[in-house]
Amino acid sequence: MKVGGKRLAMAVLWPAFLAAVLAEGAIFSWLDPQALAPLAPMTLYSIGFFVLWTCATLASLLTAYLIAVPDDV
């Protein structure tokens, strides 16, 4: 499966973005950001989102890599 650079980026980043949105909603509906740290809640939301997006992006990249690697002979 041959995928161009922009298409690969969107195939990796878009599902990772959606997963991060769902994970952030689940985590911060359970945890109160004001009880976690003395930072502003919006700061914690932003940091949490980008950490979750990074984790989901790495998982998506690994999946794309495993799909693209040819089978062992």
N, C-alpha and C. Protein backbone atom coordinates (compact mmCIF):
# COMPACT_ATOMS: atom_id res chain seq x y z
N MET A 1 0.85 -1.17 0.00
CA MET A 1 0.00 0.00 0.00
C MET A 1 0.89 1.23 0.00
N LYS A 2 0.83 2.00 -1.07
CA LYS A 2 1.64 3.19 -1.22
C LYS A 2 0.78 4.41 -0.93
N VAL A 3 1.22 5.22 0.02
CA VAL A 3 0.45 6.40 0.41
C VAL A 3 1.38 7.61 0.36
N GLY A 4 0.89 8.72 -0.22
CA GLY A 4 1.68 9.94 -0.28
C GLY A 4 1.82 10.59 1.09
N GLY A 5 2.73 11.56 1.18
CA GLY A 5 3.03 12.21 2.45
C GLY A 5 1.85 12.92 3.10
N LYS A 6 1.13 13.73 2.31
CA LYS A 6 0.00 14.46 2.86
C LYS A 6 -1.14 13.52 3.23
N ARG A 7 -1.34 12.53 2.40
CA ARG A 7 -2.41 11.57 2.69
C ARG A 7 -2.07 10.73 3.92
N LEU A 8 -0.82 10.35 4.06
CA LEU A 8 -0.39 9.60 5.24
C LEU A 8 -0.55 10.45 6.50
N ALA A 9 -0.17 11.72 6.40
CA ALA A 9 -0.31 12.62 7.55
C ALA A 9 -1.77 12.72 7.98
N MET A 10 -2.68 12.86 7.04
CA MET A 10 -4.09 12.95 7.39
C MET A 10 -4.64 11.60 7.88
N ALA A 11 -4.14 10.50 7.31
CA ALA A 11 -4.59 9.18 7.75
C ALA A 11 -4.12 8.87 9.16
N VAL A 12 -3.05 9.53 9.60
CA VAL A 12 -2.52 9.32 10.95
C VAL A 12 -3.08 10.36 11.92
N LEU A 13 -3.05 11.63 11.53
CA LEU A 13 -3.41 12.70 12.46
C LEU A 13 -4.91 12.82 12.73
N TRP A 14 -5.74 12.58 11.72
CA TRP A 14 -7.18 12.74 11.93
C TRP A 14 -7.75 11.71 12.91
N PRO A 15 -7.49 10.42 12.74
CA PRO A 15 -7.99 9.47 13.75
C PRO A 15 -7.38 9.71 15.13
N ALA A 16 -6.12 10.14 15.17
CA ALA A 16 -5.48 10.45 16.46
C ALA A 16 -6.17 11.64 17.12
N PHE A 17 -6.53 12.63 16.33
CA PHE A 17 -7.25 13.79 16.86
C PHE A 17 -8.59 13.38 17.45
N LEU A 18 -9.33 12.56 16.72
CA LEU A 18 -10.64 12.11 17.21
C LEU A 18 -10.49 11.28 18.48
N ALA A 19 -9.48 10.42 18.52
CA ALA A 19 -9.25 9.61 19.72
C ALA A 19 -8.88 10.50 20.91
N ALA A 20 -8.08 11.53 20.67
CA ALA A 20 -7.69 12.45 21.75
C ALA A 20 -8.90 13.23 22.26
N VAL A 21 -9.79 13.63 21.37
CA VAL A 21 -11.01 14.34 21.79
C VAL A 21 -11.86 13.45 22.68
N LEU A 22 -12.06 12.21 22.27
CA LEU A 22 -12.86 11.29 23.07
C LEU A 22 -12.20 10.97 24.41
N ALA A 23 -10.90 10.76 24.39
CA ALA A 23 -10.18 10.46 25.64
C ALA A 23 -10.21 11.65 26.59
N GLU A 24 -10.02 12.83 26.05
CA GLU A 24 -10.05 14.03 26.91
C GLU A 24 -11.43 14.22 27.53
N GLY A 25 -12.46 14.00 26.74
CA GLY A 25 -13.81 14.11 27.27
C GLY A 25 -14.06 13.11 28.38
N ALA A 26 -13.57 11.89 28.19
CA ALA A 26 -13.76 10.85 29.20
C ALA A 26 -12.96 11.15 30.47
N ILE A 27 -11.72 11.55 30.30
CA ILE A 27 -10.84 11.79 31.46
C ILE A 27 -11.33 12.99 32.27
N PHE A 28 -11.61 14.10 31.60
CA PHE A 28 -11.96 15.31 32.33
C PHE A 28 -13.43 15.36 32.74
N SER A 29 -14.22 14.40 32.31
CA SER A 29 -15.56 14.30 32.89
C SER A 29 -15.50 13.52 34.21
N TRP A 30 -14.41 12.80 34.40
CA TRP A 30 -14.22 12.01 35.61
C TRP A 30 -13.36 12.75 36.64
N LEU A 31 -12.35 13.51 36.16
CA LEU A 31 -11.44 14.24 37.04
C LEU A 31 -11.73 15.74 36.98
N ASP A 32 -11.59 16.39 38.11
CA ASP A 32 -11.74 17.84 38.19
C ASP A 32 -10.38 18.48 38.00
N PRO A 33 -10.17 19.27 36.94
CA PRO A 33 -8.86 19.85 36.68
C PRO A 33 -8.39 20.81 37.79
N GLN A 34 -9.32 21.45 38.48
CA GLN A 34 -8.92 22.37 39.55
C GLN A 34 -8.37 21.61 40.75
N ALA A 35 -8.74 20.36 40.92
CA ALA A 35 -8.23 19.57 42.04
C ALA A 35 -6.88 18.92 41.71
N LEU A 36 -6.49 18.91 40.44
CA LEU A 36 -5.26 18.24 40.03
C LEU A 36 -4.01 19.09 40.22
N ALA A 37 -4.10 20.35 39.88
CA ALA A 37 -2.92 21.22 39.91
C ALA A 37 -3.37 22.67 40.13
N PRO A 38 -2.44 23.52 40.56
CA PRO A 38 -2.79 24.93 40.78
C PRO A 38 -2.86 25.74 39.48
N LEU A 39 -2.81 25.08 38.34
CA LEU A 39 -2.88 25.78 37.06
C LEU A 39 -4.34 26.07 36.70
N ALA A 40 -4.51 26.94 35.74
CA ALA A 40 -5.86 27.22 35.23
C ALA A 40 -6.41 25.98 34.53
N PRO A 41 -7.71 25.73 34.66
CA PRO A 41 -8.28 24.54 34.01
C PRO A 41 -8.03 24.48 32.51
N MET A 42 -8.09 25.62 31.82
CA MET A 42 -7.87 25.62 30.38
C MET A 42 -6.45 25.17 30.04
N THR A 43 -5.50 25.51 30.90
CA THR A 43 -4.12 25.08 30.69
C THR A 43 -4.02 23.56 30.80
N LEU A 44 -4.67 23.00 31.81
CA LEU A 44 -4.66 21.54 31.97
C LEU A 44 -5.39 20.85 30.82
N TYR A 45 -6.48 21.42 30.36
CA TYR A 45 -7.18 20.85 29.22
C TYR A 45 -6.27 20.83 27.99
N SER A 46 -5.57 21.92 27.77
CA SER A 46 -4.69 22.02 26.59
C SER A 46 -3.53 21.04 26.68
N ILE A 47 -2.87 21.01 27.83
CA ILE A 47 -1.74 20.09 28.01
C ILE A 47 -2.22 18.64 27.87
N GLY A 48 -3.33 18.33 28.52
CA GLY A 48 -3.88 16.98 28.43
C GLY A 48 -4.23 16.59 27.02
N PHE A 49 -4.83 17.51 26.28
CA PHE A 49 -5.20 17.20 24.90
C PHE A 49 -3.97 16.91 24.05
N PHE A 50 -2.94 17.74 24.17
CA PHE A 50 -1.77 17.53 23.33
C PHE A 50 -0.98 16.28 23.73
N VAL A 51 -0.98 15.94 25.00
CA VAL A 51 -0.35 14.68 25.43
C VAL A 51 -1.14 13.50 24.86
N LEU A 52 -2.45 13.54 24.97
CA LEU A 52 -3.27 12.45 24.43
C LEU A 52 -3.17 12.37 22.90
N TRP A 53 -3.11 13.52 22.24
CA TRP A 53 -2.99 13.53 20.79
C TRP A 53 -1.64 12.94 20.37
N THR A 54 -0.60 13.25 21.11
CA THR A 54 0.72 12.69 20.81
C THR A 54 0.72 11.18 20.97
N CYS A 55 0.13 10.68 22.04
CA CYS A 55 0.07 9.23 22.26
C CYS A 55 -0.74 8.54 21.16
N ALA A 56 -1.86 9.12 20.80
CA ALA A 56 -2.69 8.54 19.75
C ALA A 56 -2.00 8.62 18.39
N THR A 57 -1.24 9.69 18.15
CA THR A 57 -0.50 9.82 16.89
C THR A 57 0.57 8.75 16.79
N LEU A 58 1.28 8.50 17.88
CA LEU A 58 2.30 7.45 17.87
C LEU A 58 1.67 6.08 17.61
N ALA A 59 0.51 5.82 18.19
CA ALA A 59 -0.18 4.56 17.94
C ALA A 59 -0.62 4.45 16.48
N SER A 60 -1.11 5.55 15.91
CA SER A 60 -1.52 5.55 14.51
C SER A 60 -0.33 5.38 13.58
N LEU A 61 0.78 6.02 13.91
CA LEU A 61 1.99 5.86 13.10
C LEU A 61 2.49 4.42 13.13
N LEU A 62 2.45 3.79 14.29
CA LEU A 62 2.86 2.40 14.39
C LEU A 62 1.95 1.51 13.56
N THR A 63 0.66 1.77 13.59
CA THR A 63 -0.27 1.01 12.77
C THR A 63 0.01 1.20 11.29
N ALA A 64 0.24 2.44 10.86
CA ALA A 64 0.55 2.71 9.45
C ALA A 64 1.84 2.03 9.04
N TYR A 65 2.83 2.03 9.93
CA TYR A 65 4.10 1.38 9.63
C TYR A 65 3.91 -0.13 9.48
N LEU A 66 3.16 -0.73 10.39
CA LEU A 66 2.96 -2.17 10.35
C LEU A 66 2.16 -2.59 9.12
N ILE A 67 1.27 -1.74 8.65
CA ILE A 67 0.53 -2.04 7.43
C ILE A 67 1.43 -1.93 6.21
N ALA A 68 2.35 -0.97 6.22
CA ALA A 68 3.20 -0.71 5.06
C ALA A 68 4.38 -1.66 4.94
N VAL A 69 4.81 -2.27 6.03
CA VAL A 69 5.96 -3.17 6.00
C VAL A 69 5.55 -4.45 5.28
N PRO A 70 6.37 -4.87 4.30
CA PRO A 70 6.01 -6.10 3.58
C PRO A 70 6.11 -7.33 4.50
N ASP A 71 5.36 -8.36 4.16
CA ASP A 71 5.39 -9.60 4.94
C ASP A 71 6.76 -10.24 4.85
N ASP A 72 7.12 -10.95 5.92
CA ASP A 72 8.38 -11.70 5.90
C ASP A 72 8.25 -12.87 4.95
N VAL A 73 9.36 -13.17 4.28
CA VAL A 73 9.34 -14.28 3.33
C VAL A 73 9.73 -15.56 4.02
